[in-house]
PDB file of N, CA and C in Angstrom:
ATOM      1  N   MET A   1      11.621 -79.429  36.344  1.00  0.00           N
ATOM      2  CA  MET A   1      12.946 -79.927  36.299  1.00  0.00           C
ATOM      3  C   MET A   1      13.932 -78.680  36.292  1.00  0.00           C
ATOM      4  N   GLU A   2      14.908 -78.758  37.106  1.00  0.00           N
ATOM      5  CA  GLU A   2      15.892 -77.739  37.124  1.00  0.00           C
ATOM      6  C   GLU A   2      16.918 -77.725  36.051  1.00  0.00           C
ATOM      7  N   MET A   3      17.154 -76.575  35.386  1.00  0.00           N
ATOM      8  CA  MET A   3      18.150 -76.514  34.432  1.00  0.00           C
ATOM      9  C   MET A   3      19.508 -76.613  34.834  1.00  0.00           C
ATOM     10  N   GLU A   4      20.417 -77.324  34.318  1.00  0.00           N
ATOM     11  CA  GLU A   4      21.725 -77.487  34.806  1.00  0.00           C
ATOM     12  C   GLU A   4      22.598 -76.179  34.509  1.00  0.00           C
ATOM     13  N   ARG A   5      23.296 -75.760  35.588  1.00  0.00           N
ATOM     14  CA  ARG A   5      24.160 -74.529  35.369  1.00  0.00           C
ATOM     15  C   ARG A   5      25.523 -74.876  34.952  1.00  0.00           C
ATOM     16  N   LYS A   6      25.833 -74.131  33.980  1.00  0.00           N
ATOM     17  CA  LYS A   6      27.350 -74.243  33.582  1.00  0.00           C
ATOM     18  C   LYS A   6      27.914 -72.879  33.529  1.00  0.00           C
ATOM     19  N   ILE A   7      29.078 -72.732  34.373  1.00  0.00           N
ATOM     20  CA  ILE A   7      29.665 -71.405  34.536  1.00  0.00           C
ATOM     21  C   ILE A   7      30.789 -71.264  33.878  1.00  0.00           C
ATOM     22  N   ALA A   8      31.082 -70.071  32.992  1.00  0.00           N
ATOM     23  CA  ALA A   8      32.163 -69.780  32.240  1.00  0.00           C
ATOM     24  C   ALA A   8      33.053 -68.809  33.107  1.00  0.00           C
ATOM     25  N   VAL A   9      34.354 -68.960  33.275  1.00  0.00           N
ATOM     26  CA  VAL A   9      35.177 -67.999  33.958  1.00  0.00           C
ATOM     27  C   VAL A   9      35.903 -67.220  32.851  1.00  0.00           C
ATOM     28  N   ILE A  10      35.773 -65.875  32.916  1.00  0.00           N
ATOM     29  CA  ILE A  10      36.387 -65.135  31.731  1.00  0.00           C
ATOM     30  C   ILE A  10      37.201 -63.961  32.271  1.00  0.00           C
ATOM     31  N   ASP A  11      38.349 -63.855  31.679  1.00  0.00           N
ATOM     32  CA  ASP A  11      39.056 -62.792  31.926  1.00  0.00           C
ATOM     33  C   ASP A  11      38.560 -61.719  30.832  1.00  0.00           C
ATOM     34  N   VAL A  12      37.984 -60.649  31.426  1.00  0.00           N
ATOM     35  CA  VAL A  12      37.073 -59.731  30.676  1.00  0.00           C
ATOM     36  C   VAL A  12      37.799 -58.406  30.108  1.00  0.00           C
ATOM     37  N   ASP A  13      39.155 -58.135  30.560  1.00  0.00           N
ATOM     38  CA  ASP A  13      39.917 -56.935  30.129  1.00  0.00           C
ATOM     39  C   ASP A  13      40.035 -56.855  28.752  1.00  0.00           C
ATOM     40  N   SER A  14      40.546 -57.851  28.080  1.00  0.00           N
ATOM     41  CA  SER A  14      40.608 -57.665  26.682  1.00  0.00           C
ATOM     42  C   SER A  14      39.271 -57.620  25.823  1.00  0.00           C
ATOM     43  N   ILE A  15      38.347 -58.227  26.346  1.00  0.00           N
ATOM     44  CA  ILE A  15      36.966 -58.172  25.798  1.00  0.00           C
ATOM     45  C   ILE A  15      36.527 -56.745  25.936  1.00  0.00           C
ATOM     46  N   ALA A  16      36.698 -56.073  27.152  1.00  0.00           N
ATOM     47  CA  ALA A  16      36.288 -54.689  27.361  1.00  0.00           C
ATOM     48  C   ALA A  16      36.901 -53.839  26.391  1.00  0.00           C
ATOM     49  N   TYR A  17      38.186 -53.867  26.173  1.00  0.00           N
ATOM     50  CA  TYR A  17      38.879 -53.050  25.171  1.00  0.00           C
ATOM     51  C   TYR A  17      38.362 -53.090  23.884  1.00  0.00           C
ATOM     52  N   LYS A  18      38.100 -54.309  23.496  1.00  0.00           N
ATOM     53  CA  LYS A  18      37.634 -54.761  22.007  1.00  0.00           C
ATOM     54  C   LYS A  18      36.306 -54.063  21.831  1.00  0.00           C
ATOM     55  N   ILE A  19      35.497 -54.239  22.961  1.00  0.00           N
ATOM     56  CA  ILE A  19      34.082 -53.631  22.880  1.00  0.00           C
ATOM     57  C   ILE A  19      34.021 -52.083  22.554  1.00  0.00           C
ATOM     58  N   PHE A  20      34.853 -51.231  23.382  1.00  0.00           N
ATOM     59  CA  PHE A  20      34.814 -49.936  23.209  1.00  0.00           C
ATOM     60  C   PHE A  20      35.801 -49.297  22.163  1.00  0.00           C
ATOM     61  N   HIS A  21      36.532 -50.082  21.580  1.00  0.00           N
ATOM     62  CA  HIS A  21      37.633 -49.703  20.649  1.00  0.00           C
ATOM     63  C   HIS A  21      36.784 -49.059  19.459  1.00  0.00           C
ATOM     64  N   PRO A  22      37.254 -47.925  18.922  1.00  0.00           N
ATOM     65  CA  PRO A  22      36.559 -47.276  17.867  1.00  0.00           C
ATOM     66  C   PRO A  22      36.268 -48.154  16.466  1.00  0.00           C
ATOM     67  N   LYS A  23      35.347 -48.032  15.835  1.00  0.00           N
ATOM     68  CA  LYS A  23      35.099 -48.744  14.641  1.00  0.00           C
ATOM     69  C   LYS A  23      35.899 -48.042  13.383  1.00  0.00           C
ATOM     70  N   LYS A  24      36.343 -48.911  12.553  1.00  0.00           N
ATOM     71  CA  LYS A  24      37.266 -48.531  11.391  1.00  0.00           C
ATOM     72  C   LYS A  24      35.985 -47.945  10.308  1.00  0.00           C
ATOM     73  N   VAL A  25      36.403 -46.803   9.730  1.00  0.00           N
ATOM     74  CA  VAL A  25      35.429 -46.112   8.837  1.00  0.00           C
ATOM     75  C   VAL A  25      35.797 -47.022   7.460  1.00  0.00           C
ATOM     76  N   LEU A  26      34.641 -47.452   6.804  1.00  0.00           N
ATOM     77  CA  LEU A  26      34.847 -48.018   5.620  1.00  0.00           C
ATOM     78  C   LEU A  26      34.346 -47.289   4.423  1.00  0.00           C
ATOM     79  N   ASP A  27      34.913 -47.487   3.125  1.00  0.00           N
ATOM     80  CA  ASP A  27      34.449 -46.769   2.008  1.00  0.00           C
ATOM     81  C   ASP A  27      33.389 -47.503   1.447  1.00  0.00           C
ATOM     82  N   LYS A  28      32.719 -47.027   0.213  1.00  0.00           N
ATOM     83  CA  LYS A  28      31.600 -47.599  -0.168  1.00  0.00           C
ATOM     84  C   LYS A  28      31.808 -49.070  -0.741  1.00  0.00           C
ATOM     85  N   ASN A  29      33.010 -49.543  -0.710  1.00  0.00           N
ATOM     86  CA  ASN A  29      33.296 -51.025  -1.101  1.00  0.00           C
ATOM     87  C   ASN A  29      33.802 -51.776   0.144  1.00  0.00           C
ATOM     88  N   ASN A  30      33.349 -51.325   1.349  1.00  0.00           N
ATOM     89  CA  ASN A  30      33.666 -51.821   2.606  1.00  0.00           C
ATOM     90  C   ASN A  30      35.079 -52.064   2.966  1.00  0.00           C
ATOM     91  N   ILE A  31      35.968 -51.245   2.368  1.00  0.00           N
ATOM     92  CA  ILE A  31      37.250 -51.251   2.611  1.00  0.00           C
ATOM     93  C   ILE A  31      37.759 -50.262   3.584  1.00  0.00           C
ATOM     94  N   PRO A  32      38.434 -50.545   4.610  1.00  0.00           N
ATOM     95  CA  PRO A  32      38.817 -49.630   5.654  1.00  0.00           C
ATOM     96  C   PRO A  32      39.527 -48.359   5.065  1.00  0.00           C
ATOM     97  N   LEU A  33      39.257 -47.098   5.370  1.00  0.00           N
ATOM     98  CA  LEU A  33      39.711 -45.963   4.824  1.00  0.00           C
ATOM     99  C   LEU A  33      41.119 -45.731   5.665  1.00  0.00           C
ATOM    100  N   ARG A  34      41.944 -45.084   4.934  1.00  0.00           N
ATOM    101  CA  ARG A  34      43.325 -44.697   5.526  1.00  0.00           C
ATOM    102  C   ARG A  34      43.577 -43.196   5.318  1.00  0.00           C
ATOM    103  N   SER A  35      44.403 -42.590   6.171  1.00  0.00           N
ATOM    104  CA  SER A  35      44.691 -41.393   6.337  1.00  0.00           C
ATOM    105  C   SER A  35      46.293 -41.447   6.621  1.00  0.00           C
ATOM    106  N   GLU A  36      47.037 -40.920   5.766  1.00  0.00           N
ATOM    107  CA  GLU A  36      48.578 -41.015   6.374  1.00  0.00           C
ATOM    108  C   GLU A  36      49.075 -42.449   6.509  1.00  0.00           C
ATOM    109  N   ASN A  37      48.551 -43.424   5.854  1.00  0.00           N
ATOM    110  CA  ASN A  37      48.900 -44.897   6.156  1.00  0.00           C
ATOM    111  C   ASN A  37      48.359 -45.401   7.500  1.00  0.00           C
ATOM    112  N   LYS A  38      47.459 -44.736   8.179  1.00  0.00           N
ATOM    113  CA  LYS A  38      46.704 -45.175   9.447  1.00  0.00           C
ATOM    114  C   LYS A  38      45.279 -45.316   9.088  1.00  0.00           C
ATOM    115  N   PHE A  39      44.534 -46.345   9.794  1.00  0.00           N
ATOM    116  CA  PHE A  39      43.310 -46.410   9.641  1.00  0.00           C
ATOM    117  C   PHE A  39      42.402 -45.272  10.224  1.00  0.00           C
ATOM    118  N   VAL A  40      41.305 -45.068   9.605  1.00  0.00           N
ATOM    119  CA  VAL A  40      40.348 -43.867   9.980  1.00  0.00           C
ATOM    120  C   VAL A  40      39.290 -44.531  10.938  1.00  0.00           C
ATOM    121  N   TYR A  41      39.329 -44.087  12.053  1.00  0.00           N
ATOM    122  CA  TYR A  41      38.241 -44.564  13.234  1.00  0.00           C
ATOM    123  C   TYR A  41      37.219 -43.579  13.472  1.00  0.00           C
ATOM    124  N   LYS A  42      36.084 -44.199  13.888  1.00  0.00           N
ATOM    125  CA  LYS A  42      34.857 -43.397  14.510  1.00  0.00           C
ATOM    126  C   LYS A  42      34.578 -43.936  15.955  1.00  0.00           C
ATOM    127  N   GLU A  43      34.587 -43.201  16.786  1.00  0.00           N
ATOM    128  CA  GLU A  43      34.367 -43.574  18.195  1.00  0.00           C
ATOM    129  C   GLU A  43      32.969 -44.054  18.223  1.00  0.00           C
ATOM    130  N   LYS A  44      32.663 -45.068  19.144  1.00  0.00           N
ATOM    131  CA  LYS A  44      31.476 -45.637  19.537  1.00  0.00           C
ATOM    132  C   LYS A  44      30.795 -44.718  20.380  1.00  0.00           C
ATOM    133  N   ASN A  45      29.357 -44.790  20.384  1.00  0.00           N
ATOM    134  CA  ASN A  45      28.657 -44.264  21.443  1.00  0.00           C
ATOM    135  C   ASN A  45      28.092 -45.122  22.519  1.00  0.00           C
ATOM    136  N   GLU A  46      27.434 -44.654  23.514  1.00  0.00           N
ATOM    137  CA  GLU A  46      27.064 -45.554  24.629  1.00  0.00           C
ATOM    138  C   GLU A  46      26.234 -46.594  24.102  1.00  0.00           C
ATOM    139  N   GLN A  47      25.233 -46.364  23.195  1.00  0.00           N
ATOM    140  CA  GLN A  47      24.302 -47.363  22.824  1.00  0.00           C
ATOM    141  C   GLN A  47      25.036 -48.443  21.983  1.00  0.00           C
ATOM    142  N   GLU A  48      25.984 -48.151  21.198  1.00  0.00           N
ATOM    143  CA  GLU A  48      26.802 -49.076  20.497  1.00  0.00           C
ATOM    144  C   GLU A  48      27.658 -50.020  21.452  1.00  0.00           C
ATOM    145  N   ILE A  49      28.135 -49.456  22.651  1.00  0.00           N
ATOM    146  CA  ILE A  49      28.904 -50.042  23.499  1.00  0.00           C
ATOM    147  C   ILE A  49      28.075 -51.066  24.354  1.00  0.00           C
ATOM    148  N   LEU A  50      26.942 -50.668  24.635  1.00  0.00           N
ATOM    149  CA  LEU A  50      25.875 -51.466  25.309  1.00  0.00           C
ATOM    150  C   LEU A  50      25.517 -52.600  24.369  1.00  0.00           C
ATOM    151  N   TYR A  51      25.287 -52.402  23.306  1.00  0.00           N
ATOM    152  CA  TYR A  51      24.932 -53.577  22.450  1.00  0.00           C
ATOM    153  C   TYR A  51      26.014 -54.453  22.156  1.00  0.00           C
ATOM    154  N   SER A  52      27.231 -53.806  21.920  1.00  0.00           N
ATOM    155  CA  SER A  52      28.407 -54.705  21.896  1.00  0.00           C
ATOM    156  C   SER A  52      28.607 -55.557  23.089  1.00  0.00           C
ATOM    157  N   CYS A  53      28.480 -55.126  24.315  1.00  0.00           N
ATOM    158  CA  CYS A  53      28.484 -55.808  25.594  1.00  0.00           C
ATOM    159  C   CYS A  53      27.466 -57.115  25.657  1.00  0.00           C
ATOM    160  N   ASN A  54      26.305 -56.716  25.311  1.00  0.00           N
ATOM    161  CA  ASN A  54      25.361 -57.720  25.285  1.00  0.00           C
ATOM    162  C   ASN A  54      25.620 -58.851  24.226  1.00  0.00           C
ATOM    163  N   PHE A  55      26.079 -58.394  23.165  1.00  0.00           N
ATOM    164  CA  PHE A  55      26.228 -59.349  21.918  1.00  0.00           C
ATOM    165  C   PHE A  55      27.443 -60.207  22.070  1.00  0.00           C
ATOM    166  N   VAL A  56      28.565 -59.730  22.680  1.00  0.00           N
ATOM    167  CA  VAL A  56      29.736 -60.344  23.007  1.00  0.00           C
ATOM    168  C   VAL A  56      29.480 -61.533  24.175  1.00  0.00           C
ATOM    169  N   MET A  57      28.940 -61.085  25.271  1.00  0.00           N
ATOM    170  CA  MET A  57      28.831 -61.909  26.476  1.00  0.00           C
ATOM    171  C   MET A  57      27.620 -62.985  25.921  1.00  0.00           C
ATOM    172  N   ASP A  58      26.693 -62.767  25.080  1.00  0.00           N
ATOM    173  CA  ASP A  58      25.817 -63.707  24.670  1.00  0.00           C
ATOM    174  C   ASP A  58      26.398 -64.725  23.700  1.00  0.00           C
ATOM    175  N   GLU A  59      27.307 -64.121  22.911  1.00  0.00           N
ATOM    176  CA  GLU A  59      28.076 -65.147  21.987  1.00  0.00           C
ATOM    177  C   GLU A  59      28.929 -66.134  22.763  1.00  0.00           C
ATOM    178  N   ILE A  60      29.578 -65.611  23.791  1.00  0.00           N
ATOM    179  CA  ILE A  60      30.537 -66.460  24.715  1.00  0.00           C
ATOM    180  C   ILE A  60      29.700 -67.539  25.261  1.00  0.00           C
ATOM    181  N   LEU A  61      28.577 -67.093  26.121  1.00  0.00           N
ATOM    182  CA  LEU A  61      27.870 -68.027  26.641  1.00  0.00           C
ATOM    183  C   LEU A  61      27.171 -69.137  25.771  1.00  0.00           C
ATOM    184  N   THR A  62      26.654 -68.593  24.751  1.00  0.00           N
ATOM    185  CA  THR A  62      26.060 -69.494  23.688  1.00  0.00           C
ATOM    186  C   THR A  62      27.142 -70.574  23.138  1.00  0.00           C
ATOM    187  N   ASN A  63      28.316 -69.997  22.806  1.00  0.00           N
ATOM    188  CA  ASN A  63      29.383 -70.922  22.203  1.00  0.00           C
ATOM    189  C   ASN A  63      29.968 -71.927  23.158  1.00  0.00           C
ATOM    190  N   CYS A  64      30.097 -71.443  24.449  1.00  0.00           N
ATOM    191  CA  CYS A  64      30.582 -72.506  25.447  1.00  0.00           C
ATOM    192  C   CYS A  64      29.421 -73.139  26.035  1.00  0.00           C
ATOM    193  N   ASN A  65      28.122 -73.043  25.691  1.00  0.00           N
ATOM    194  CA  ASN A  65      26.969 -73.655  26.314  1.00  0.00           C
ATOM    195  C   ASN A  65      26.929 -73.456  27.733  1.00  0.00           C
ATOM    196  N   CYS A  66      27.153 -72.156  28.309  1.00  0.00           N
ATOM    197  CA  CYS A  66      26.975 -71.829  29.474  1.00  0.00           C
ATOM    198  C   CYS A  66      25.895 -70.946  30.033  1.00  0.00           C
ATOM    199  N   THR A  67      25.442 -71.161  31.116  1.00  0.00           N
ATOM    200  CA  THR A  67      24.266 -70.316  31.567  1.00  0.00           C
ATOM    201  C   THR A  67      24.534 -69.097  32.444  1.00  0.00           C
ATOM    202  N   HIS A  68      25.865 -68.907  32.896  1.00  0.00           N
ATOM    203  CA  HIS A  68      26.232 -67.889  33.819  1.00  0.00           C
ATOM    204  C   HIS A  68      27.877 -67.791  33.423  1.00  0.00           C
ATOM    205  N   TYR A  69      28.323 -66.600  33.913  1.00  0.00           N
ATOM    206  CA  TYR A  69      29.682 -66.382  33.877  1.00  0.00           C
ATOM    207  C   TYR A  69      30.293 -65.643  35.122  1.00  0.00           C
ATOM    208  N   ILE A  70      31.401 -65.880  35.431  1.00  0.00           N
ATOM    209  CA  ILE A  70      32.082 -65.063  36.496  1.00  0.00           C
ATOM    210  C   ILE A  70      33.283 -64.381  35.601  1.00  0.00           C
ATOM    211  N   GLY A  71      33.255 -63.220  35.565  1.00  0.00           N
ATOM    212  CA  GLY A  71      34.183 -62.205  34.903  1.00  0.00           C
ATOM    213  C   GLY A  71      35.179 -61.662  35.841  1.00  0.00           C
ATOM    214  N   TYR A  72      36.341 -61.720  35.510  1.00  0.00           N
ATOM    215  CA  TYR A  72      37.656 -60.901  36.206  1.00  0.00           C
ATOM    216  C   TYR A  72      38.070 -59.826  35.211  1.00  0.00           C
ATOM    217  N   ILE A  73      38.028 -58.601  35.878  1.00  0.00           N
ATOM    218  CA  ILE A  73      38.161 -57.359  35.221  1.00  0.00           C
ATOM    219  C   ILE A  73      39.173 -56.591  35.934  1.00  0.00           C
ATOM    220  N   LYS A  74      40.027 -55.706  35.416  1.00  0.00           N
ATOM    221  CA  LYS A  74      40.953 -54.981  35.893  1.00  0.00           C
ATOM    222  C   LYS A  74      40.557 -54.229  37.175  1.00  0.00           C
ATOM    223  N   GLY A  75      41.175 -54.282  38.302  1.00  0.00           N
ATOM    224  CA  GLY A  75      40.985 -53.548  39.428  1.00  0.00           C
ATOM    225  C   GLY A  75      41.543 -52.339  39.572  1.00  0.00           C
ATOM    226  N   PHE A  76      41.822 -51.723  40.714  1.00  0.00           N
ATOM    227  CA  PHE A  76      42.305 -50.409  40.960  1.00  0.00           C
ATOM    228  C   PHE A  76      43.889 -50.591  41.073  1.00  0.00           C
ATOM    229  N   ASN A  77      44.464 -49.755  40.323  1.00  0.00           N
ATOM    230  CA  ASN A  77      45.969 -49.698  40.428  1.00  0.00           C
ATOM    231  C   ASN A  77      46.739 -51.054  39.968  1.00  0.00           C
ATOM    232  N   THR A  78      46.263 -51.860  39.375  1.00  0.00           N
ATOM    233  CA  THR A  78      46.924 -53.012  38.911  1.00  0.00           C
ATOM    234  C   THR A  78      48.311 -52.771  38.089  1.00  0.00           C
ATOM    235  N   THR A  79      48.047 -51.885  37.184  1.00  0.00           N
ATOM    236  CA  THR A  79      49.172 -51.574  36.419  1.00  0.00           C
ATOM    237  C   THR A  79      50.225 -50.871  37.123  1.00  0.00           C
ATOM    238  N   SER A  80      49.928 -49.874  37.919  1.00  0.00           N
ATOM    239  CA  SER A  80      50.896 -49.299  38.756  1.00  0.00           C
ATOM    240  C   SER A  80      51.623 -50.121  39.832  1.00  0.00           C
ATOM    241  N   PHE A  81      50.800 -51.115  40.378  1.00  0.00           N
ATOM    242  CA  PHE A  81      51.375 -52.082  41.195  1.00  0.00           C
ATOM    243  C   PHE A  81      52.514 -52.942  40.496  1.00  0.00           C
ATOM    244  N   ARG A  82      52.039 -53.373  39.414  1.00  0.00           N
ATOM    245  CA  ARG A  82      53.003 -54.188  38.522  1.00  0.00           C
ATOM    246  C   ARG A  82      54.122 -53.425  38.116  1.00  0.00           C
ATOM    247  N   LYS A  83      54.015 -52.103  37.729  1.00  0.00           N
ATOM    248  CA  LYS A  83      55.226 -51.312  37.373  1.00  0.00           C
ATOM    249  C   LYS A  83      56.083 -51.051  38.487  1.00  0.00           C
ATOM    250  N   SER A  84      55.619 -51.019  39.709  1.00  0.00           N
ATOM    251  CA  SER A  84      56.459 -50.891  40.726  1.00  0.00           C
ATOM    252  C   SER A  84      57.366 -52.163  40.983  1.00  0.00           C
ATOM    253  N   ILE A  85      56.833 -53.227  40.447  1.00  0.00           N
ATOM    254  CA  ILE A  85      57.758 -54.491  40.516  1.00  0.00           C
ATOM    255  C   ILE A  85      58.719 -54.646  39.268  1.00  0.00           C
ATOM    256  N   ASN A  86      58.223 -54.286  38.167  1.00  0.00           N
ATOM    257  CA  ASN A  86      58.850 -54.401  36.884  1.00  0.00           C
ATOM    258  C   ASN A  86      58.619 -53.044  36.137  1.00  0.00           C
ATOM    259  N   ASN A  87      59.562 -52.230  36.102  1.00  0.00           N
ATOM    260  CA  ASN A  87      59.489 -50.915  35.446  1.00  0.00           C
ATOM    261  C   ASN A  87      59.057 -50.884  34.098  1.00  0.00           C
ATOM    262  N   SER A  88      59.359 -51.933  33.248  1.00  0.00           N
ATOM    263  CA  SER A  88      59.016 -52.019  31.850  1.00  0.00           C
ATOM    264  C   SER A  88      57.801 -52.563  31.464  1.00  0.00           C
ATOM    265  N   TYR A  89      57.003 -52.975  32.578  1.00  0.00           N
ATOM    266  CA  TYR A  89      55.769 -53.618  32.506  1.00  0.00           C
ATOM    267  C   TYR A  89      54.781 -52.490  31.670  1.00  0.00           C
ATOM    268  N   LYS A  90      54.295 -52.889  30.569  1.00  0.00           N
ATOM    269  CA  LYS A  90      53.321 -52.121  29.587  1.00  0.00           C
ATOM    270  C   LYS A  90      53.934 -50.797  29.613  1.00  0.00           C
ATOM    271  N   SER A  91      55.115 -50.635  29.458  1.00  0.00           N
ATOM    272  CA  SER A  91      55.885 -49.296  29.398  1.00  0.00           C
ATOM    273  C   SER A  91      55.274 -48.588  28.190  1.00  0.00           C
ATOM    274  N   ASN A  92      54.942 -49.205  27.063  1.00  0.00           N
ATOM    275  CA  ASN A  92      54.576 -48.451  25.944  1.00  0.00           C
ATOM    276  C   ASN A  92      53.104 -47.922  25.904  1.00  0.00           C
ATOM    277  N   ARG A  93      52.443 -48.247  26.949  1.00  0.00           N
ATOM    278  CA  ARG A  93      50.984 -47.806  27.211  1.00  0.00           C
ATOM    279  C   ARG A  93      50.783 -46.566  28.092  1.00  0.00           C
ATOM    280  N   SER A  94      49.701 -45.829  27.900  1.00  0.00           N
ATOM    281  CA  SER A  94      49.396 -44.728  28.648  1.00  0.00           C
ATOM    282  C   SER A  94      48.837 -45.253  29.986  1.00  0.00           C
ATOM    283  N   LEU A  95      49.161 -44.384  30.880  1.00  0.00           N
ATOM    284  CA  LEU A  95      48.495 -44.808  32.344  1.00  0.00           C
ATOM    285  C   LEU A  95      46.982 -44.220  32.498  1.00  0.00           C
ATOM    286  N   ASP A  96      46.771 -43.333  31.519  1.00  0.00           N
ATOM    287  CA  ASP A  96      45.460 -42.601  31.504  1.00  0.00           C
ATOM    288  C   ASP A  96      44.364 -43.758  31.288  1.00  0.00           C
ATOM    289  N   GLU A  97      43.378 -43.807  31.874  1.00  0.00           N
ATOM    290  CA  GLU A  97      42.242 -44.546  31.528  1.00  0.00           C
ATOM    291  C   GLU A  97      41.570 -44.377  30.264  1.00  0.00           C
ATOM    292  N   PRO A  98      41.343 -45.224  29.321  1.00  0.00           N
ATOM    293  CA  PRO A  98      40.471 -44.975  28.146  1.00  0.00           C
ATOM    294  C   PRO A  98      39.243 -44.291  28.483  1.00  0.00           C
ATOM    295  N   LYS A  99      38.797 -43.457  27.495  1.00  0.00           N
ATOM    296  CA  LYS A  99      37.305 -42.716  27.861  1.00  0.00           C
ATOM    297  C   LYS A  99      36.228 -43.682  28.047  1.00  0.00           C
ATOM    298  N   TRP A 100      36.183 -44.719  27.359  1.00  0.00           N
ATOM    299  CA  TRP A 100      34.997 -45.695  27.654  1.00  0.00           C
ATOM    300  C   TRP A 100      35.193 -46.825  28.588  1.00  0.00           C
ATOM    301  N   TRP A 101      36.295 -46.755  29.336  1.00  0.00           N
ATOM    302  CA  TRP A 101      36.769 -48.017  30.180  1.00  0.00           C
ATOM    303  C   TRP A 101      35.672 -48.208  31.262  1.00  0.00           C
ATOM    304  N   SER A 102      35.385 -47.099  32.239  1.00  0.00           N
ATOM    305  CA  SER A 102      34.374 -47.185  33.273  1.00  0.00           C
ATOM    306  C   SER A 102      32.988 -47.563  32.632  1.00  0.00           C
ATOM    307  N   TYR A 103      32.554 -47.055  31.714  1.00  0.00           N
ATOM    308  CA  TYR A 103      31.214 -47.160  31.197  1.00  0.00           C
ATOM    309  C   TYR A 103      31.199 -48.704  30.825  1.00  0.00           C
ATOM    310  N   THR A 104      32.174 -49.156  30.016  1.00  0.00           N
ATOM    311  CA  THR A 104      32.160 -50.635  29.518  1.00  0.00           C
ATOM    312  C   THR A 104      32.250 -51.574  30.734  1.00  0.00           C
ATOM    313  N   LYS A 105      33.155 -51.301  31.656  1.00  0.00           N
ATOM    314  CA  LYS A 105      33.317 -52.015  32.725  1.00  0.00           C
ATOM    315  C   LYS A 105      31.964 -52.327  33.458  1.00  0.00           C
ATOM    316  N   ASP A 106      31.229 -51.161  33.760  1.00  0.00           N
ATOM    317  CA  ASP A 106      30.100 -51.077  34.512  1.00  0.00           C
ATOM    318  C   ASP A 106      29.056 -51.972  33.806  1.00  0.00           C
ATOM    319  N   MET A 107      28.840 -51.896  32.339  1.00  0.00           N
ATOM    320  CA  MET A 107      27.880 -52.465  31.586  1.00  0.00           C
ATOM    321  C   MET A 107      28.259 -54.052  31.582  1.00  0.00           C
ATOM    322  N   LEU A 108      29.482 -54.453  31.653  1.00  0.00           N
ATOM    323  CA  LEU A 108      29.851 -55.902  31.641  1.00  0.00           C
ATOM    324  C   LEU A 108      29.450 -56.347  33.142  1.00  0.00           C
ATOM    325  N   ILE A 109      29.705 -55.712  34.082  1.00  0.00           N
ATOM    326  CA  ILE A 109      29.361 -56.050  35.471  1.00  0.00           C
ATOM    327  C   ILE A 109      27.881 -56.210  35.829  1.00  0.00           C
ATOM    328  N   HIS A 110      27.224 -55.139  35.218  1.00  0.00           N
ATOM    329  CA  HIS A 110      25.613 -55.284  35.407  1.00  0.00           C
ATOM    330  C   HIS A 110      24.808 -56.219  34.385  1.00  0.00           C
TER     331      HIS A 110
END
């Protein structure tokens, strides 16, 4: 008997950013540390990002009872193209690619 396939369609951009975003550093009481009224963060490593990719995607598939997914993730020059149409589009964001963007994108694709 063949298992029924159920496919999730996912906008993966925000998921990718959440996956590689640094972790808040916690004190001995599990309260986030602050320095000058800003949270203190510790960057994730490749293994933590890979674990997070697998965990997050498994959670999504499990919670929506899906067997597969089609993910849409930022392509090349999408922000630059949109800025050419609307100058203020994401104007408060850097155009530099975040450090772990390519790695996380590749892990989610594969």
